[in-house]
PDB file of N, CA and C in Angstrom:
ATOM      1  N   UNK A   1      -2.440  -8.714   4.356  1.00  0.00           N
ATOM      2  CA  UNK A   1      -3.065  -7.681   4.185  1.00  0.00           C
ATOM      3  C   UNK A   1      -4.521  -7.934   4.424  1.00  0.00           C
ATOM      4  N   UNK A   2      -5.051  -7.499   5.374  1.00  0.00           N
ATOM      5  CA  UNK A   2      -6.702  -7.439   5.656  1.00  0.00           C
ATOM      6  C   UNK A   2      -7.800  -7.261   4.508  1.00  0.00           C
ATOM      7  N   UNK A   3      -8.353  -8.159   4.115  1.00  0.00           N
ATOM      8  CA  UNK A   3      -9.155  -8.379   2.726  1.00  0.00           C
ATOM      9  C   UNK A   3     -10.427  -6.904   3.357  1.00  0.00           C
ATOM     10  N   UNK A   4     -10.786  -6.526   4.609  1.00  0.00           N
ATOM     11  CA  UNK A   4     -11.693  -5.823   4.752  1.00  0.00           C
ATOM     12  C   UNK A   4     -11.008  -4.688   4.439  1.00  0.00           C
ATOM     13  N   UNK A   5      -9.457  -4.223   4.859  1.00  0.00           N
ATOM     14  CA  UNK A   5      -8.440  -3.051   4.818  1.00  0.00           C
ATOM     15  C   UNK A   5      -8.871  -2.891   3.223  1.00  0.00           C
ATOM     16  N   UNK A   6      -8.241  -3.703   2.553  1.00  0.00           N
ATOM     17  CA  UNK A   6      -8.073  -3.730   1.230  1.00  0.00           C
ATOM     18  C   UNK A   6      -9.654  -3.034   0.259  1.00  0.00           C
ATOM     19  N   UNK A   7     -10.998  -3.890   0.685  1.00  0.00           N
ATOM     20  CA  UNK A   7     -11.998  -3.401   0.112  1.00  0.00           C
ATOM     21  C   UNK A   7     -12.262  -1.851   0.549  1.00  0.00           C
ATOM     22  N   UNK A   8     -11.842  -1.435   1.824  1.00  0.00           N
ATOM     23  CA  UNK A   8     -12.148  -0.519   2.056  1.00  0.00           C
ATOM     24  C   UNK A   8     -11.314   0.466   1.614  1.00  0.00           C
ATOM     25  N   UNK A   9     -10.194   0.268   1.436  1.00  0.00           N
ATOM     26  CA  UNK A   9      -9.393   1.011   0.214  1.00  0.00           C
ATOM     27  C   UNK A   9      -9.631   1.249  -1.446  1.00  0.00           C
ATOM     28  N   UNK A  10     -10.667   0.326  -1.647  1.00  0.00           N
ATOM     29  CA  UNK A  10     -11.663   0.350  -2.878  1.00  0.00           C
ATOM     30  C   UNK A  10     -12.591   1.412  -3.173  1.00  0.00           C
ATOM     31  N   UNK A  11     -12.658   0.609  -1.893  1.00  0.00           N
ATOM     32  CA  UNK A  11     -14.314   1.477  -1.919  1.00  0.00           C
ATOM     33  C   UNK A  11     -14.080   3.135  -2.003  1.00  0.00           C
ATOM     34  N   UNK A  12     -13.079   3.784  -0.919  1.00  0.00           N
ATOM     35  CA  UNK A  12     -12.772   5.132  -1.094  1.00  0.00           C
ATOM     36  C   UNK A  12     -11.687   5.714  -2.406  1.00  0.00           C
ATOM     37  N   UNK A  13     -11.074   4.748  -3.291  1.00  0.00           N
ATOM     38  CA  UNK A  13     -11.190   4.682  -4.601  1.00  0.00           C
ATOM     39  C   UNK A  13     -11.849   5.295  -4.960  1.00  0.00           C
ATOM     40  N   UNK A  14     -12.390   4.148  -5.496  1.00  0.00           N
ATOM     41  CA  UNK A  14     -13.908   4.015  -6.459  1.00  0.00           C
ATOM     42  C   UNK A  14     -14.878   5.777  -6.259  1.00  0.00           C
ATOM     43  N   UNK A  15     -15.035   5.956  -4.655  1.00  0.00           N
ATOM     44  CA  UNK A  15     -15.904   7.016  -3.996  1.00  0.00           C
ATOM     45  C   UNK A  15     -14.549   8.684  -4.907  1.00  0.00           C
ATOM     46  N   UNK A  16     -13.831   8.116  -4.934  1.00  0.00           N
ATOM     47  CA  UNK A  16     -13.187   9.499  -5.244  1.00  0.00           C
ATOM     48  C   UNK A  16     -12.837   9.632  -6.365  1.00  0.00           C
ATOM     49  N   UNK A  17     -12.847   8.688  -7.106  1.00  0.00           N
ATOM     50  CA  UNK A  17     -12.022   9.236  -8.767  1.00  0.00           C
ATOM     51  C   UNK A  17     -13.946   8.282  -9.483  1.00  0.00           C
ATOM     52  N   UNK A  18     -14.560   8.013  -9.298  1.00  0.00           N
ATOM     53  CA  UNK A  18     -16.282   8.374  -9.525  1.00  0.00           C
ATOM     54  C   UNK A  18     -16.827   9.188  -9.108  1.00  0.00           C
ATOM     55  N   UNK A  19     -17.227   9.727  -8.121  1.00  0.00           N
ATOM     56  CA  UNK A  19     -17.668  11.242  -7.791  1.00  0.00           C
ATOM     57  C   UNK A  19     -17.517  12.310  -7.595  1.00  0.00           C
ATOM     58  N   UNK A  20     -16.575  12.130  -5.754  1.00  0.00           N
ATOM     59  CA  UNK A  20     -16.001  13.458  -5.614  1.00  0.00           C
ATOM     60  C   UNK A  20     -15.545  14.153  -6.532  1.00  0.00           C
ATOM     61  N   UNK A  21     -14.468  13.783  -7.255  1.00  0.00           N
ATOM     62  CA  UNK A  21     -13.308  14.384  -8.507  1.00  0.00           C
ATOM     63  C   UNK A  21     -14.059  14.806  -9.407  1.00  0.00           C
ATOM     64  N   UNK A  22     -14.786  13.934  -9.874  1.00  0.00           N
ATOM     65  CA  UNK A  22     -15.696  14.376 -11.335  1.00  0.00           C
ATOM     66  C   UNK A  22     -16.964  15.739 -10.727  1.00  0.00           C
ATOM     67  N   UNK A  23     -17.220  15.580  -9.602  1.00  0.00           N
ATOM     68  CA  UNK A  23     -18.097  16.356  -8.797  1.00  0.00           C
ATOM     69  C   UNK A  23     -17.433  17.572  -8.714  1.00  0.00           C
ATOM     70  N   UNK A  24     -15.990  17.643  -8.551  1.00  0.00           N
ATOM     71  CA  UNK A  24     -15.081  19.228  -8.388  1.00  0.00           C
ATOM     72  C   UNK A  24     -15.097  19.720  -9.997  1.00  0.00           C
ATOM     73  N   UNK A  25     -14.791  18.509 -10.593  1.00  0.00           N
ATOM     74  CA  UNK A  25     -13.970  19.685 -11.788  1.00  0.00           C
ATOM     75  C   UNK A  25     -14.193  20.674 -12.542  1.00  0.00           C
ATOM     76  N   UNK A  26     -15.494  20.856 -12.556  1.00  0.00           N
ATOM     77  CA  UNK A  26     -15.468  22.197 -13.199  1.00  0.00           C
ATOM     78  C   UNK A  26     -15.705  23.332 -12.217  1.00  0.00           C
ATOM     79  N   UNK A  27     -15.439  23.174 -11.400  1.00  0.00           N
ATOM     80  CA  UNK A  27     -15.737  24.438 -10.474  1.00  0.00           C
ATOM     81  C   UNK A  27     -13.937  24.565 -10.139  1.00  0.00           C
ATOM     82  N   UNK A  28     -13.399  23.045  -9.870  1.00  0.00           N
ATOM     83  CA  UNK A  28     -12.009  23.555  -9.970  1.00  0.00           C
ATOM     84  C   UNK A  28     -10.998  24.199 -11.324  1.00  0.00           C
ATOM     85  N   UNK A  29     -11.895  23.644 -12.343  1.00  0.00           N
ATOM     86  CA  UNK A  29     -11.601  24.254 -13.786  1.00  0.00           C
ATOM     87  C   UNK A  29     -10.269  23.366 -13.929  1.00  0.00           C
ATOM     88  N   UNK A  30     -10.283  21.864 -13.470  1.00  0.00           N
ATOM     89  CA  UNK A  30      -9.269  20.913 -13.769  1.00  0.00           C
ATOM     90  C   UNK A  30      -9.804  20.637 -15.386  1.00  0.00           C
ATOM     91  N   UNK A  31      -8.452  20.418 -15.870  1.00  0.00           N
ATOM     92  CA  UNK A  31      -7.985  19.538 -17.267  1.00  0.00           C
ATOM     93  C   UNK A  31      -9.163  18.423 -17.635  1.00  0.00           C
ATOM     94  N   UNK A  32      -9.414  17.914 -16.641  1.00  0.00           N
ATOM     95  CA  UNK A  32     -10.342  16.339 -17.347  1.00  0.00           C
ATOM     96  C   UNK A  32     -11.578  16.241 -16.337  1.00  0.00           C
ATOM     97  N   UNK A  33     -12.347  15.384 -16.459  1.00  0.00           N
ATOM     98  CA  UNK A  33     -14.054  15.273 -15.664  1.00  0.00           C
ATOM     99  C   UNK A  33     -14.181  14.005 -15.407  1.00  0.00           C
ATOM    100  N   UNK A  34     -13.419  13.276 -16.399  1.00  0.00           N
ATOM    101  CA  UNK A  34     -14.350  11.627 -16.505  1.00  0.00           C
ATOM    102  C   UNK A  34     -13.398  10.972 -15.635  1.00  0.00           C
ATOM    103  N   UNK A  35     -14.170   9.704 -14.936  1.00  0.00           N
ATOM    104  CA  UNK A  35     -13.637   8.615 -13.776  1.00  0.00           C
ATOM    105  C   UNK A  35     -12.533   8.548 -14.489  1.00  0.00           C
ATOM    106  N   UNK A  36     -12.470   7.996 -15.748  1.00  0.00           N
ATOM    107  CA  UNK A  36     -10.686   6.881 -16.091  1.00  0.00           C
ATOM    108  C   UNK A  36      -9.738   8.659 -16.517  1.00  0.00           C
ATOM    109  N   UNK A  37     -10.011   9.353 -16.711  1.00  0.00           N
ATOM    110  CA  UNK A  37      -8.935  10.115 -16.659  1.00  0.00           C
ATOM    111  C   UNK A  37      -8.151  10.183 -15.081  1.00  0.00           C
ATOM    112  N   UNK A  38      -9.215  10.798 -14.449  1.00  0.00           N
ATOM    113  CA  UNK A  38      -8.979  10.987 -12.893  1.00  0.00           C
ATOM    114  C   UNK A  38      -8.185   9.287 -12.628  1.00  0.00           C
ATOM    115  N   UNK A  39      -8.413   8.279 -12.529  1.00  0.00           N
ATOM    116  CA  UNK A  39      -7.987   7.188 -12.686  1.00  0.00           C
ATOM    117  C   UNK A  39      -6.292   6.903 -13.190  1.00  0.00           C
ATOM    118  N   UNK A  40      -5.986   7.378 -14.381  1.00  0.00           N
ATOM    119  CA  UNK A  40      -4.892   7.212 -15.112  1.00  0.00           C
ATOM    120  C   UNK A  40      -4.278   8.132 -14.894  1.00  0.00           C
ATOM    121  N   UNK A  41      -4.759   9.361 -14.158  1.00  0.00           N
ATOM    122  CA  UNK A  41      -3.767  10.363 -13.817  1.00  0.00           C
ATOM    123  C   UNK A  41      -3.055   9.647 -12.422  1.00  0.00           C
ATOM    124  N   UNK A  42      -3.950   9.439 -11.200  1.00  0.00           N
ATOM    125  CA  UNK A  42      -2.926   9.158 -10.149  1.00  0.00           C
ATOM    126  C   UNK A  42      -2.595   7.965  -9.981  1.00  0.00           C
ATOM    127  N   UNK A  43      -3.126   6.867 -11.067  1.00  0.00           N
ATOM    128  CA  UNK A  43      -2.403   5.720 -11.132  1.00  0.00           C
ATOM    129  C   UNK A  43      -0.840   5.876 -11.735  1.00  0.00           C
ATOM    130  N   UNK A  44      -1.043   6.436 -12.530  1.00  0.00           N
ATOM    131  CA  UNK A  44       0.187   7.017 -13.359  1.00  0.00           C
ATOM    132  C   UNK A  44       1.400   7.819 -12.332  1.00  0.00           C
ATOM    133  N   UNK A  45       1.339   8.008 -11.747  1.00  0.00           N
ATOM    134  CA  UNK A  45       2.018   9.356 -10.424  1.00  0.00           C
ATOM    135  C   UNK A  45       2.177   8.324  -9.599  1.00  0.00           C
ATOM    136  N   UNK A  46       1.558   7.134  -9.230  1.00  0.00           N
ATOM    137  CA  UNK A  46       1.459   6.918  -8.150  1.00  0.00           C
ATOM    138  C   UNK A  46       2.437   5.431  -8.381  1.00  0.00           C
ATOM    139  N   UNK A  47       3.150   5.431  -9.915  1.00  0.00           N
ATOM    140  CA  UNK A  47       3.292   3.554 -10.027  1.00  0.00           C
ATOM    141  C   UNK A  47       4.981   4.382 -10.770  1.00  0.00           C
ATOM    142  N   UNK A  48       4.571   6.242 -11.149  1.00  0.00           N
ATOM    143  CA  UNK A  48       6.442   7.067 -11.481  1.00  0.00           C
ATOM    144  C   UNK A  48       6.196   6.839 -12.994  1.00  0.00           C
ATOM    145  N   UNK A  49       5.062   6.201 -13.642  1.00  0.00           N
ATOM    146  CA  UNK A  49       4.949   6.021 -14.698  1.00  0.00           C
ATOM    147  C   UNK A  49       4.043   5.186 -15.486  1.00  0.00           C
ATOM    148  N   UNK A  50       3.751   5.010 -16.596  1.00  0.00           N
ATOM    149  CA  UNK A  50       2.271   4.369 -16.996  1.00  0.00           C
ATOM    150  C   UNK A  50       2.099   3.500 -16.005  1.00  0.00           C
ATOM    151  N   UNK A  51       0.901   2.861 -15.943  1.00  0.00           N
ATOM    152  CA  UNK A  51       0.457   2.328 -15.104  1.00  0.00           C
ATOM    153  C   UNK A  51       0.430   0.655 -15.640  1.00  0.00           C
ATOM    154  N   UNK A  52       0.269   0.619 -16.432  1.00  0.00           N
ATOM    155  CA  UNK A  52      -0.114  -0.924 -17.127  1.00  0.00           C
ATOM    156  C   UNK A  52       1.852  -1.366 -17.241  1.00  0.00           C
ATOM    157  N   UNK A  53       2.273  -0.917 -17.210  1.00  0.00           N
ATOM    158  CA  UNK A  53       3.624  -1.015 -17.004  1.00  0.00           C
ATOM    159  C   UNK A  53       4.104  -2.140 -15.856  1.00  0.00           C
ATOM    160  N   UNK A  54       3.225  -1.590 -14.684  1.00  0.00           N
ATOM    161  CA  UNK A  54       3.410  -2.060 -13.107  1.00  0.00           C
ATOM    162  C   UNK A  54       2.469  -3.275 -12.982  1.00  0.00           C
ATOM    163  N   UNK A  55       1.295  -2.321 -13.114  1.00  0.00           N
ATOM    164  CA  UNK A  55       0.034  -3.388 -12.594  1.00  0.00           C
ATOM    165  C   UNK A  55      -0.370  -4.267 -13.557  1.00  0.00           C
ATOM    166  N   UNK A  56      -0.488  -5.379 -13.496  1.00  0.00           N
ATOM    167  CA  UNK A  56      -0.843  -6.699 -14.427  1.00  0.00           C
ATOM    168  C   UNK A  56      -2.118  -6.732 -13.919  1.00  0.00           C
ATOM    169  N   UNK A  57      -3.074  -7.176 -14.796  1.00  0.00           N
ATOM    170  CA  UNK A  57      -4.605  -7.545 -14.736  1.00  0.00           C
ATOM    171  C   UNK A  57      -5.847  -5.727 -14.463  1.00  0.00           C
ATOM    172  N   UNK A  58      -6.992  -5.869 -14.749  1.00  0.00           N
ATOM    173  CA  UNK A  58      -7.533  -4.923 -14.960  1.00  0.00           C
ATOM    174  C   UNK A  58      -9.043  -5.325 -13.806  1.00  0.00           C
ATOM    175  N   UNK A  59      -9.310  -4.712 -13.239  1.00  0.00           N
ATOM    176  CA  UNK A  59      -9.548  -3.497 -13.431  1.00  0.00           C
ATOM    177  C   UNK A  59      -8.076  -2.931 -12.436  1.00  0.00           C
ATOM    178  N   UNK A  60      -7.413  -2.461 -12.500  1.00  0.00           N
ATOM    179  CA  UNK A  60      -6.019  -1.833 -12.484  1.00  0.00           C
ATOM    180  C   UNK A  60      -5.936  -1.676 -10.964  1.00  0.00           C
ATOM    181  N   UNK A  61      -7.166  -0.445  -9.739  1.00  0.00           N
ATOM    182  CA  UNK A  61      -6.715  -0.709  -9.480  1.00  0.00           C
ATOM    183  C   UNK A  61      -7.052  -1.346  -7.631  1.00  0.00           C
ATOM    184  N   UNK A  62      -7.705  -2.719  -8.193  1.00  0.00           N
ATOM    185  CA  UNK A  62      -8.105  -3.945  -7.646  1.00  0.00           C
ATOM    186  C   UNK A  62      -6.779  -5.102  -8.037  1.00  0.00           C
ATOM    187  N   UNK A  63      -5.798  -5.007  -8.866  1.00  0.00           N
ATOM    188  CA  UNK A  63      -4.845  -5.650  -9.106  1.00  0.00           C
ATOM    189  C   UNK A  63      -3.261  -4.662  -8.494  1.00  0.00           C
ATOM    190  N   UNK A  64      -3.013  -3.493  -8.628  1.00  0.00           N
ATOM    191  CA  UNK A  64      -2.685  -2.753  -7.748  1.00  0.00           C
ATOM    192  C   UNK A  64      -1.644  -2.971  -6.622  1.00  0.00           C
ATOM    193  N   UNK A  65      -0.844  -3.132  -6.314  1.00  0.00           N
ATOM    194  CA  UNK A  65      -0.062  -3.150  -4.877  1.00  0.00           C
ATOM    195  C   UNK A  65      -0.877  -2.063  -4.100  1.00  0.00           C
ATOM    196  N   UNK A  66      -1.049  -2.746  -2.876  1.00  0.00           N
ATOM    197  CA  UNK A  66      -1.086  -1.982  -1.788  1.00  0.00           C
ATOM    198  C   UNK A  66      -0.515  -0.612  -1.314  1.00  0.00           C
ATOM    199  N   UNK A  67       1.056  -0.336  -1.502  1.00  0.00           N
ATOM    200  CA  UNK A  67       1.704   0.610  -1.416  1.00  0.00           C
ATOM    201  C   UNK A  67       0.585   1.063  -2.589  1.00  0.00           C
ATOM    202  N   UNK A  68       0.939   0.814  -4.017  1.00  0.00           N
ATOM    203  CA  UNK A  68       0.827   1.832  -5.022  1.00  0.00           C
ATOM    204  C   UNK A  68      -0.759   2.372  -5.352  1.00  0.00           C
ATOM    205  N   UNK A  69      -1.713   1.384  -4.625  1.00  0.00           N
ATOM    206  CA  UNK A  69      -3.492   2.484  -4.698  1.00  0.00           C
ATOM    207  C   UNK A  69      -3.395   3.112  -3.277  1.00  0.00           C
ATOM    208  N   UNK A  70      -2.355   3.087  -2.330  1.00  0.00           N
ATOM    209  CA  UNK A  70      -2.647   4.083  -1.558  1.00  0.00           C
ATOM    210  C   UNK A  70      -1.968   4.938  -1.630  1.00  0.00           C
ATOM    211  N   UNK A  71      -0.884   5.153  -2.482  1.00  0.00           N
ATOM    212  CA  UNK A  71      -0.209   6.134  -3.664  1.00  0.00           C
ATOM    213  C   UNK A  71      -1.231   7.409  -3.599  1.00  0.00           C
ATOM    214  N   UNK A  72      -1.721   6.820  -4.415  1.00  0.00           N
ATOM    215  CA  UNK A  72      -3.225   7.040  -5.702  1.00  0.00           C
ATOM    216  C   UNK A  72      -4.065   7.620  -5.140  1.00  0.00           C
ATOM    217  N   UNK A  73      -4.543   6.456  -3.793  1.00  0.00           N
ATOM    218  CA  UNK A  73      -5.886   7.790  -3.009  1.00  0.00           C
ATOM    219  C   UNK A  73      -4.875   9.473  -2.169  1.00  0.00           C
ATOM    220  N   UNK A  74      -3.905   8.647  -1.846  1.00  0.00           N
ATOM    221  CA  UNK A  74      -3.426   9.868  -1.145  1.00  0.00           C
ATOM    222  C   UNK A  74      -3.372  11.475  -2.149  1.00  0.00           C
ATOM    223  N   UNK A  75      -2.644  10.669  -3.224  1.00  0.00           N
ATOM    224  CA  UNK A  75      -2.833  11.548  -4.015  1.00  0.00           C
ATOM    225  C   UNK A  75      -4.070  12.538  -4.949  1.00  0.00           C
ATOM    226  N   UNK A  76      -5.395  11.829  -4.521  1.00  0.00           N
ATOM    227  CA  UNK A  76      -6.371  12.250  -5.148  1.00  0.00           C
ATOM    228  C   UNK A  76      -6.897  13.344  -4.082  1.00  0.00           C
ATOM    229  N   UNK A  77      -6.237  12.606  -2.970  1.00  0.00           N
ATOM    230  CA  UNK A  77      -6.892  13.314  -1.717  1.00  0.00           C
ATOM    231  C   UNK A  77      -5.681  14.969  -1.423  1.00  0.00           C
ATOM    232  N   UNK A  78      -5.011  14.492  -1.981  1.00  0.00           N
ATOM    233  CA  UNK A  78      -4.230  15.643  -1.831  1.00  0.00           C
ATOM    234  C   UNK A  78      -4.493  16.796  -2.937  1.00  0.00           C
ATOM    235  N   UNK A  79      -5.260  16.573  -3.882  1.00  0.00           N
ATOM    236  CA  UNK A  79      -5.182  17.333  -5.020  1.00  0.00           C
ATOM    237  C   UNK A  79      -7.063  18.233  -4.597  1.00  0.00           C
ATOM    238  N   UNK A  80      -7.994  17.264  -3.833  1.00  0.00           N
ATOM    239  CA  UNK A  80      -9.431  18.385  -3.384  1.00  0.00           C
ATOM    240  C   UNK A  80      -8.482  19.180  -2.477  1.00  0.00           C
ATOM    241  N   UNK A  81      -7.058  18.723  -1.440  1.00  0.00           N
ATOM    242  CA  UNK A  81      -7.120  19.327  -0.719  1.00  0.00           C
ATOM    243  C   UNK A  81      -6.325  20.713  -1.522  1.00  0.00           C
ATOM    244  N   UNK A  82      -5.633  20.942  -2.215  1.00  0.00           N
ATOM    245  CA  UNK A  82      -5.253  21.856  -3.222  1.00  0.00           C
ATOM    246  C   UNK A  82      -4.078  22.017  -2.942  1.00  0.00           C
ATOM    247  N   UNK A  83      -3.519  20.890  -2.813  1.00  0.00           N
ATOM    248  CA  UNK A  83      -1.498  20.643  -2.057  1.00  0.00           C
ATOM    249  C   UNK A  83      -1.212  19.793  -3.117  1.00  0.00           C
ATOM    250  N   UNK A  84      -1.883  19.639  -4.458  1.00  0.00           N
ATOM    251  CA  UNK A  84      -0.802  18.749  -5.365  1.00  0.00           C
ATOM    252  C   UNK A  84      -1.422  19.609  -6.731  1.00  0.00           C
ATOM    253  N   UNK A  85      -1.000  20.263  -7.690  1.00  0.00           N
ATOM    254  CA  UNK A  85      -1.792  20.745  -9.081  1.00  0.00           C
ATOM    255  C   UNK A  85      -2.253  19.032 -10.005  1.00  0.00           C
ATOM    256  N   UNK A  86      -3.553  19.465  -9.726  1.00  0.00           N
ATOM    257  CA  UNK A  86      -4.305  17.592 -10.754  1.00  0.00           C
ATOM    258  C   UNK A  86      -3.350  18.217 -12.091  1.00  0.00           C
ATOM    259  N   UNK A  87      -3.563  19.513 -12.374  1.00  0.00           N
ATOM    260  CA  UNK A  87      -2.525  19.652 -13.953  1.00  0.00           C
ATOM    261  C   UNK A  87      -1.306  19.306 -13.917  1.00  0.00           C
ATOM    262  N   UNK A  88      -0.244  19.667 -13.071  1.00  0.00           N
ATOM    263  CA  UNK A  88       0.859  19.030 -13.396  1.00  0.00           C
ATOM    264  C   UNK A  88       0.713  17.409 -13.436  1.00  0.00           C
ATOM    265  N   UNK A  89       0.329  16.959 -12.214  1.00  0.00           N
ATOM    266  CA  UNK A  89       0.193  15.390 -12.441  1.00  0.00           C
ATOM    267  C   UNK A  89      -0.596  15.098 -13.949  1.00  0.00           C
ATOM    268  N   UNK A  90      -1.534  15.722 -14.558  1.00  0.00           N
ATOM    269  CA  UNK A  90      -1.980  15.030 -16.014  1.00  0.00           C
ATOM    270  C   UNK A  90      -0.851  15.673 -16.957  1.00  0.00           C
ATOM    271  N   UNK A  91      -0.145  16.906 -16.622  1.00  0.00           N
ATOM    272  CA  UNK A  91       0.593  16.480 -17.633  1.00  0.00           C
ATOM    273  C   UNK A  91       2.172  15.724 -17.669  1.00  0.00           C
ATOM    274  N   UNK A  92       2.215  15.111 -16.446  1.00  0.00           N
ATOM    275  CA  UNK A  92       3.474  14.043 -16.049  1.00  0.00           C
ATOM    276  C   UNK A  92       3.157  12.883 -16.717  1.00  0.00           C
ATOM    277  N   UNK A  93       1.663  12.277 -16.752  1.00  0.00           N
ATOM    278  CA  UNK A  93       0.820  11.284 -17.210  1.00  0.00           C
ATOM    279  C   UNK A  93       1.537  11.274 -18.526  1.00  0.00           C
ATOM    280  N   UNK A  94       0.541  12.247 -18.812  1.00  0.00           N
ATOM    281  CA  UNK A  94       0.490  12.170 -20.873  1.00  0.00           C
ATOM    282  C   UNK A  94       1.718  12.342 -21.249  1.00  0.00           C
ATOM    283  N   UNK A  95       2.784  12.603 -20.388  1.00  0.00           N
ATOM    284  CA  UNK A  95       4.300  12.847 -21.145  1.00  0.00           C
ATOM    285  C   UNK A  95       4.595  11.518 -20.834  1.00  0.00           C
ATOM    286  N   UNK A  96       4.839  10.945 -19.952  1.00  0.00           N
ATOM    287  CA  UNK A  96       5.190   8.981 -19.308  1.00  0.00           C
ATOM    288  C   UNK A  96       4.444   8.285 -20.964  1.00  0.00           C
ATOM    289  N   UNK A  97       3.525   9.120 -21.202  1.00  0.00           N
ATOM    290  CA  UNK A  97       2.418   7.996 -22.269  1.00  0.00           C
ATOM    291  C   UNK A  97       2.993   8.187 -24.143  1.00  0.00           C
ATOM    292  N   UNK A  98       3.122   9.595 -24.025  1.00  0.00           N
ATOM    293  CA  UNK A  98       3.889   9.922 -25.215  1.00  0.00           C
ATOM    294  C   UNK A  98       4.705   9.450 -25.261  1.00  0.00           C
ATOM    295  N   UNK A  99       5.802   9.514 -24.183  1.00  0.00           N
ATOM    296  CA  UNK A  99       7.636   8.677 -24.580  1.00  0.00           C
ATOM    297  C   UNK A  99       7.349   7.433 -24.876  1.00  0.00           C
ATOM    298  N   UNK A 100       6.403   7.139 -23.778  1.00  0.00           N
ATOM    299  CA  UNK A 100       5.897   5.350 -24.189  1.00  0.00           C
ATOM    300  C   UNK A 100       5.756   5.054 -25.641  1.00  0.00           C
ATOM    301  N   UNK A 101       4.664   5.481 -25.941  1.00  0.00           N
ATOM    302  CA  UNK A 101       4.378   5.177 -27.570  1.00  0.00           C
ATOM    303  C   UNK A 101       5.327   5.618 -28.303  1.00  0.00           C
ATOM    304  N   UNK A 102       6.304   6.861 -28.245  1.00  0.00           N
ATOM    305  CA  UNK A 102       7.192   6.519 -28.938  1.00  0.00           C
ATOM    306  C   UNK A 102       8.512   6.163 -29.197  1.00  0.00           C
ATOM    307  N   UNK A 103       8.871   5.029 -27.842  1.00  0.00           N
ATOM    308  CA  UNK A 103       9.593   4.129 -28.274  1.00  0.00           C
ATOM    309  C   UNK A 103       9.055   2.852 -27.821  1.00  0.00           C
ATOM    310  N   UNK A 104       7.822   2.811 -28.837  1.00  0.00           N
ATOM    311  CA  UNK A 104       7.375   1.269 -28.386  1.00  0.00           C
ATOM    312  C   UNK A 104       7.522   1.482 -30.539  1.00  0.00           C
ATOM    313  N   UNK A 105       7.267   2.282 -31.241  1.00  0.00           N
ATOM    314  CA  UNK A 105       7.815   2.696 -32.437  1.00  0.00           C
ATOM    315  C   UNK A 105       8.977   2.785 -33.114  1.00  0.00           C
ATOM    316  N   UNK A 106       9.824   2.650 -32.063  1.00  0.00           N
ATOM    317  CA  UNK A 106      11.289   2.190 -32.370  1.00  0.00           C
ATOM    318  C   UNK A 106      12.196   0.540 -32.433  1.00  0.00           C
TER     319      UNK A 106
END
């Protein structure tokens, strides 16, 4: 992997989750507004489960496999374009987290 290409992807991720998406949240009536919430939603969905079960190291975007980061970026861009429902992705993320939490209690 080209380091410049990875840097470009990470910069895109940060712009999307720290600036673009939070800036659109109120007008879109999205269920979240904070950058870390957007990051949770898109990383969880890119991982098909709670991201910290798949990504070791923090910050997650910097330690994610490139395919996972690309998928998270694609999902964020699809939400901006109205091609996916952010509320659906958020509910899926929260369900994975509730399930994980209940499994850890048993």
